Protein backbone atom coordinates (compact mmCIF):
# COMPACT_ATOMS: atom_id res chain seq x y z
CA MET A 1 125.08 95.25 82.69
CA SER A 2 121.32 95.91 82.79
CA THR A 3 118.77 93.53 81.31
CA LEU A 4 115.74 94.51 79.25
CA LEU A 5 113.21 91.69 78.98
CA ILE A 6 110.88 91.72 75.99
CA VAL A 7 107.82 89.59 76.71
CA HIS A 8 105.82 89.17 73.53
CA HIS A 9 103.08 87.25 71.82
CA THR A 10 103.68 87.52 68.09
CA PRO A 11 101.09 85.47 66.19
CA SER A 12 100.70 87.62 63.06
CA PRO A 13 102.89 89.27 60.43
CA PHE A 14 101.84 92.71 61.73
CA CYS A 15 102.83 91.82 65.31
CA GLN A 16 106.10 90.40 63.96
CA GLU A 17 106.87 93.62 62.11
CA MET A 18 106.27 95.64 65.27
CA PHE A 19 108.33 93.20 67.38
CA GLU A 20 111.28 93.45 64.99
CA ALA A 21 111.17 97.25 65.11
CA VAL A 22 111.13 97.21 68.92
CA ILE A 23 114.14 94.85 68.92
CA ALA A 24 115.98 97.07 66.44
CA GLY A 25 115.46 100.11 68.65
CA ALA A 26 116.43 98.31 71.85
CA THR A 27 119.61 96.92 70.30
CA ASP A 28 120.73 100.10 68.54
CA PRO A 29 124.56 100.28 68.67
CA GLU A 30 124.41 103.58 70.57
CA ILE A 31 122.75 101.81 73.50
CA GLU A 32 125.49 100.29 75.60
CA GLY A 33 125.45 98.12 78.68
CA VAL A 34 121.97 96.69 78.11
CA ASP A 35 121.39 93.02 77.43
CA VAL A 36 118.14 92.53 75.51
CA VAL A 37 116.42 89.23 76.28
CA ARG A 38 113.39 88.04 74.30
CA ARG A 39 110.84 85.63 75.72
CA ALA A 40 107.63 84.39 74.18
CA ALA A 41 104.84 85.15 76.62
CA LEU A 42 103.96 81.47 76.99
CA ASN A 43 107.56 80.66 77.99
CA VAL A 44 108.47 83.50 80.35
CA SER A 45 109.20 82.54 83.94
CA PRO A 46 109.31 84.41 87.23
CA ALA A 47 113.11 84.00 87.12
CA ASP A 48 113.15 85.81 83.74
CA MET A 49 111.11 88.65 85.21
CA LEU A 50 113.19 88.86 88.38
CA GLY A 51 116.40 88.91 86.34
CA ALA A 52 115.33 91.94 84.32
CA ASP A 53 115.76 95.61 85.13
CA GLY A 54 113.03 96.76 82.72
CA TYR A 55 110.38 95.33 80.44
CA LEU A 56 108.83 95.71 77.03
CA LEU A 57 105.49 94.01 76.53
CA GLY A 58 104.00 93.18 73.14
CA SER A 59 100.63 91.67 72.35
CA PRO A 60 97.77 91.62 69.94
CA ALA A 61 94.56 93.06 71.35
CA ASN A 62 92.18 90.13 71.08
CA LEU A 63 88.49 90.80 71.63
CA GLY A 64 89.39 94.02 73.41
CA TYR A 65 91.90 92.46 75.79
CA ILE A 66 95.56 91.41 75.91
CA SER A 67 96.35 88.05 74.37
CA GLY A 68 95.78 84.96 76.47
CA ALA A 69 99.51 84.33 76.20
CA LEU A 70 100.45 87.66 77.82
CA LYS A 71 97.76 87.15 80.44
CA HIS A 72 99.26 83.71 81.13
CA ALA A 73 102.70 85.29 81.59
CA PHE A 74 101.31 87.58 84.27
CA ASP A 75 99.28 84.79 85.86
CA VAL A 76 102.45 82.70 86.24
CA CYS A 77 104.74 85.53 87.33
CA TYR A 78 102.61 88.07 89.22
CA TYR A 79 102.88 86.86 92.81
CA PRO A 80 106.47 85.57 92.62
CA ILE A 81 107.67 89.00 91.38
CA LEU A 82 105.21 91.24 93.24
CA ASP A 83 107.52 92.48 95.99
CA SER A 84 110.74 92.47 93.98
CA THR A 85 110.12 94.46 90.81
CA LYS A 86 108.52 97.68 92.06
CA GLY A 87 109.74 100.82 90.34
CA ARG A 88 111.04 99.08 87.23
CA PRO A 89 110.35 100.78 83.88
CA PHE A 90 108.20 99.24 81.17
CA GLY A 91 106.81 99.95 77.74
CA LEU A 92 103.99 98.42 75.71
CA TYR A 93 103.12 97.89 72.07
CA LEU A 94 99.79 96.50 70.89
CA HIS A 95 98.27 95.53 67.59
CA GLY A 96 94.49 95.41 67.28
CA ASN A 97 91.94 95.33 64.55
CA GLN A 98 89.05 96.74 66.54
CA GLY A 99 90.57 98.89 69.26
CA THR A 100 93.15 98.44 71.97
CA GLU A 101 91.55 100.31 74.85
CA GLY A 102 90.67 97.19 76.87
CA ALA A 103 94.16 95.76 76.42
CA GLU A 104 95.72 99.06 77.50
CA LYS A 105 93.51 99.14 80.59
CA ALA A 106 94.44 95.55 81.46
CA VAL A 107 98.16 96.32 81.27
CA ASP A 108 97.66 99.52 83.29
CA THR A 109 95.88 97.53 86.01
CA ILE A 110 98.48 94.75 86.13
CA THR A 111 101.52 97.04 86.06
CA THR A 112 100.01 99.37 88.66
CA GLY A 113 99.59 96.37 90.93
CA LEU A 114 103.22 95.43 90.35
CA GLY A 115 104.38 98.99 90.91
CA TRP A 116 106.07 99.24 87.52
CA VAL A 117 106.66 102.67 85.99
CA LYS A 118 105.38 103.48 82.50
CA SER A 119 108.47 104.88 80.82
CA ALA A 120 107.19 105.70 77.34
CA ASP A 121 103.91 106.25 75.56
CA TYR A 122 102.24 103.03 74.48
CA VAL A 123 102.39 102.23 70.79
CA THR A 124 99.02 101.04 69.53
CA VAL A 125 98.33 100.09 65.94
CA SER A 126 95.15 99.08 64.16
CA GLY A 127 95.41 97.33 60.83
CA LYS A 128 98.62 97.30 58.81
CA PRO A 129 101.41 99.20 60.59
CA SER A 130 102.44 102.33 58.74
CA LYS A 131 106.01 103.55 58.38
CA ASP A 132 105.27 105.99 61.23
CA ASP A 133 103.94 103.14 63.41
CA ILE A 134 107.12 101.13 62.83
CA GLU A 135 109.22 104.17 63.69
CA LYS A 136 107.27 104.56 66.95
CA CYS A 137 107.98 100.90 67.77
CA TRP A 138 111.69 101.49 67.14
CA GLU A 139 111.58 104.57 69.39
CA LEU A 140 109.79 102.60 72.11
CA GLY A 141 112.50 99.94 72.12
CA ALA A 142 115.27 102.53 72.10
CA THR A 143 113.66 104.67 74.82
CA VAL A 144 113.11 101.87 77.32
CA ALA A 145 116.56 100.38 76.65
CA ALA A 146 118.28 103.77 76.95
CA GLN A 147 116.70 104.28 80.37
CA LEU A 148 118.57 101.17 81.55
CA MET A 149 122.00 102.33 80.42
CA GLY A 150 124.34 102.38 83.40
């Protein structure tokens, strides 16, 4: 069985709505053989990261950057996983009120350093998520999970 690790920081109702849609997509009954594990960004460990075959990252875009919690997750895990997770797929969803470009760039830089492979378009939302935004979150979860099916 493959493992999809969802590392998230979900401090607001809008982030929660996006997170739930990602989970719903990743756990769709048609996706078989994938264990979906959820970890709050402040609680994720290198062992969690090493035990996963793919990743979904979720964060608010605070002041043009990823949340401090997601940054902390990478600070704690980066070097312990650096040589062991190359080539693994990942996806990203972000919620921002004033743009997500800086947060996207930060994740691009970190994941490039790790050698992870972007496996779906990022989902970025400003303001209240629309029905279309929630559908894109569902598709993100389903897409990354489906890529891990054995």
